[in-house]
Amino acid sequence: MIKKIFISLLYIALTTTNSIAAGSSDSGSSKTKYDIAVSHIKAAKKFESQDNSKEAKKKYKKAQKLLIQSNKKFPNKADTLNYLGFTTRKLGDYENGEKYYLEGLAIDPTHIGINEYLGELYVATNRVNLAIERLEILKACNCEEYQELKEIIEGKKVSKY
């Protein structure tokens, strides 16, 4: 009788441990969907720098899909909305990219990445006056994002928005 109980408890312990381990991908022990999306974005930027827009687009699509899932699970994260805006814009959907950026700014009005990327979107859509507003917000950050946006606005830097 004791042997049956012991075997039953051992079986339960082993199957519970395996099922917990199998479902742990979002538990913090491994990369989150957001982290994987950021990796895809970095790879896409590298492909862009090599003039390989086809591969870059694939990576942006994968990142966007993961970011949408992450945003559903963990809403109202400015960093996630920043990258959602970025990937959406990179895929050519400026209207929805702008929506994501504005959602992110509602959470964190001084978010450096969102302000820079939204400024780039405004330049790309011929709304330089709005880009200058984003630049003014970045002015106090003493960061490279300020300089990059300034150069884009001034037309000194060729960029693929």
Protein backbone atom coordinates (compact mmCIF):
# COMPACT_ATOMS: atom_id res chain seq x y z
CA MET A 1 0.00 0.00 0.00
CA ILE A 2 2.78 2.43 0.94
CA LYS A 3 4.65 1.47 -2.21
CA LYS A 4 1.58 2.36 -4.38
CA ILE A 5 1.20 5.74 -2.67
CA PHE A 6 4.91 6.46 -3.10
CA ILE A 7 4.79 5.54 -6.81
CA SER A 8 1.66 7.64 -7.31
CA LEU A 9 3.23 10.68 -5.61
CA LEU A 10 6.42 10.23 -7.60
CA TYR A 11 4.43 10.03 -10.84
CA ILE A 12 2.48 13.19 -9.99
CA ALA A 13 5.65 15.05 -9.06
CA LEU A 14 7.41 14.10 -12.29
CA THR A 15 4.50 14.93 -14.59
CA THR A 16 3.82 18.23 -12.83
CA THR A 17 7.46 19.29 -13.10
CA ASN A 18 7.53 18.49 -16.83
CA SER A 19 4.34 20.39 -17.57
CA ILE A 20 5.54 23.43 -15.64
CA ALA A 21 8.85 23.41 -17.49
CA ALA A 22 7.15 23.06 -20.87
CA GLY A 23 5.02 26.15 -20.31
CA SER A 24 7.71 28.38 -18.90
CA SER A 25 8.61 30.37 -22.04
CA ASP A 26 6.98 33.57 -20.73
CA SER A 27 7.82 33.00 -17.06
CA GLY A 28 11.10 34.89 -17.09
CA SER A 29 13.45 31.91 -17.23
CA SER A 30 13.80 32.33 -20.98
CA LYS A 31 13.34 35.15 -23.45
CA THR A 32 9.97 36.86 -23.65
CA LYS A 33 8.17 37.57 -26.91
CA TYR A 34 9.24 41.20 -26.52
CA ASP A 35 12.91 40.16 -26.20
CA ILE A 36 12.69 37.93 -29.26
CA ALA A 37 11.01 40.73 -31.21
CA VAL A 38 13.84 43.10 -30.32
CA SER A 39 16.30 40.50 -31.65
CA HIS A 40 14.36 40.37 -34.92
CA ILE A 41 14.43 44.18 -35.13
CA LYS A 42 18.19 44.25 -34.66
CA ALA A 43 18.59 41.64 -37.39
CA ALA A 44 16.26 43.61 -39.68
CA LYS A 45 18.33 46.77 -39.18
CA LYS A 46 21.45 44.80 -40.09
CA PHE A 47 19.78 43.51 -43.26
CA GLU A 48 18.78 47.09 -44.12
CA SER A 49 22.37 48.26 -43.71
CA GLN A 50 23.33 45.54 -46.21
CA ASP A 51 20.61 46.72 -48.65
CA ASN A 52 18.69 43.48 -48.19
CA SER A 53 15.18 44.88 -47.82
CA LYS A 54 13.48 41.53 -48.49
CA GLU A 55 15.07 39.85 -45.44
CA ALA A 56 14.64 43.00 -43.37
CA LYS A 57 10.92 43.02 -44.11
CA LYS A 58 10.61 39.36 -43.04
CA LYS A 59 12.29 40.17 -39.73
CA TYR A 60 10.09 43.22 -39.17
CA LYS A 61 6.98 41.13 -39.80
CA LYS A 62 8.11 38.49 -37.30
CA ALA A 63 8.91 41.18 -34.74
CA GLN A 64 5.59 42.91 -35.27
CA LYS A 65 3.66 39.66 -34.74
CA LEU A 66 5.50 39.00 -31.47
CA LEU A 67 5.04 42.58 -30.29
CA ILE A 68 1.30 42.42 -30.92
CA GLN A 69 1.15 39.26 -28.80
CA SER A 70 3.28 40.85 -26.09
CA ASN A 71 1.12 43.98 -26.10
CA LYS A 72 -2.02 41.88 -25.63
CA LYS A 73 -0.50 40.02 -22.69
CA PHE A 74 1.22 43.06 -21.13
CA PRO A 75 -0.60 46.19 -22.35
CA ASN A 76 0.41 49.81 -21.81
CA LYS A 77 4.18 49.35 -22.05
CA ALA A 78 5.76 52.34 -23.79
CA ASP A 79 8.75 50.31 -25.02
CA THR A 80 6.48 47.74 -26.66
CA LEU A 81 4.38 50.45 -28.29
CA ASN A 82 7.56 52.15 -29.47
CA TYR A 83 8.70 49.04 -31.30
CA LEU A 84 5.18 48.32 -32.54
CA GLY A 85 5.17 51.79 -34.09
CA PHE A 86 8.65 51.24 -35.48
CA THR A 87 7.97 47.86 -37.10
CA THR A 88 4.61 49.00 -38.43
CA ARG A 89 6.22 52.11 -39.95
CA LYS A 90 9.06 50.06 -41.41
CA LEU A 91 6.46 47.84 -43.06
CA GLY A 92 5.00 50.94 -44.74
CA ASP A 93 1.92 51.48 -42.57
CA TYR A 94 2.56 55.01 -41.37
CA GLU A 95 -0.99 55.59 -40.14
CA ASN A 96 -1.01 52.68 -37.69
CA GLY A 97 2.63 53.24 -36.80
CA GLU A 98 1.71 56.75 -35.73
CA LYS A 99 -1.16 55.40 -33.63
CA TYR A 100 1.18 53.09 -31.73
CA TYR A 101 3.65 55.93 -31.15
CA LEU A 102 0.90 58.21 -29.85
CA GLU A 103 -0.37 55.48 -27.51
CA GLY A 104 3.16 55.15 -26.16
CA LEU A 105 3.52 58.90 -25.69
CA ALA A 106 0.27 58.93 -23.71
CA ILE A 107 2.03 56.60 -21.25
CA ASP A 108 5.47 58.23 -21.37
CA PRO A 109 5.53 61.67 -23.07
CA THR A 110 9.33 61.94 -22.84
CA HIS A 111 10.16 58.48 -24.21
CA ILE A 112 13.31 59.07 -26.22
CA GLY A 113 12.78 56.33 -28.80
CA ILE A 114 9.17 57.19 -29.50
CA ASN A 115 9.92 60.89 -29.88
CA GLU A 116 12.77 60.20 -32.31
CA TYR A 117 10.89 57.63 -34.39
CA LEU A 118 7.69 59.65 -34.46
CA GLY A 119 9.75 62.63 -35.62
CA GLU A 120 11.17 60.47 -38.43
CA LEU A 121 7.65 59.40 -39.38
CA TYR A 122 6.59 63.06 -39.50
CA VAL A 123 9.52 63.92 -41.79
CA ALA A 124 8.66 60.96 -44.04
CA THR A 125 5.05 62.15 -44.27
CA ASN A 126 6.02 65.78 -44.95
CA ARG A 127 4.95 67.12 -41.55
CA VAL A 128 8.25 68.69 -40.59
CA ASN A 129 6.59 71.12 -38.18
CA LEU A 130 5.47 68.15 -36.07
CA ALA A 131 8.94 66.59 -36.33
CA ILE A 132 10.40 69.80 -34.94
CA GLU A 133 8.05 69.48 -31.94
CA ARG A 134 9.48 66.00 -31.26
CA LEU A 135 12.99 67.43 -31.62
CA GLU A 136 12.25 70.08 -28.99
CA ILE A 137 11.22 67.37 -26.55
CA LEU A 138 14.50 65.52 -27.20
CA LYS A 139 16.60 68.67 -26.86
CA ALA A 140 17.11 68.25 -23.11
CA CYS A 141 18.11 64.57 -23.29
CA ASN A 142 21.67 65.19 -24.50
CA CYS A 143 21.37 61.97 -26.52
CA GLU A 144 22.24 60.71 -29.98
CA GLU A 145 18.55 60.44 -30.86
CA TYR A 146 18.31 64.23 -30.71
CA GLN A 147 21.22 64.64 -33.12
CA GLU A 148 19.93 61.95 -35.49
CA LEU A 149 16.48 63.50 -35.73
CA LYS A 150 17.99 66.97 -36.13
CA GLU A 151 20.10 65.76 -39.06
CA ILE A 152 17.10 64.07 -40.68
CA ILE A 153 15.04 67.24 -40.33
CA GLU A 154 17.86 69.34 -41.76
CA GLY A 155 18.18 66.90 -44.65
CA LYS A 156 21.84 66.22 -43.93
CA LYS A 157 21.36 62.53 -43.34
CA VAL A 158 19.95 60.12 -45.85
CA SER A 159 17.71 57.72 -43.95
CA LYS A 160 15.21 55.04 -44.84
CA TYR A 161 12.35 56.13 -42.64
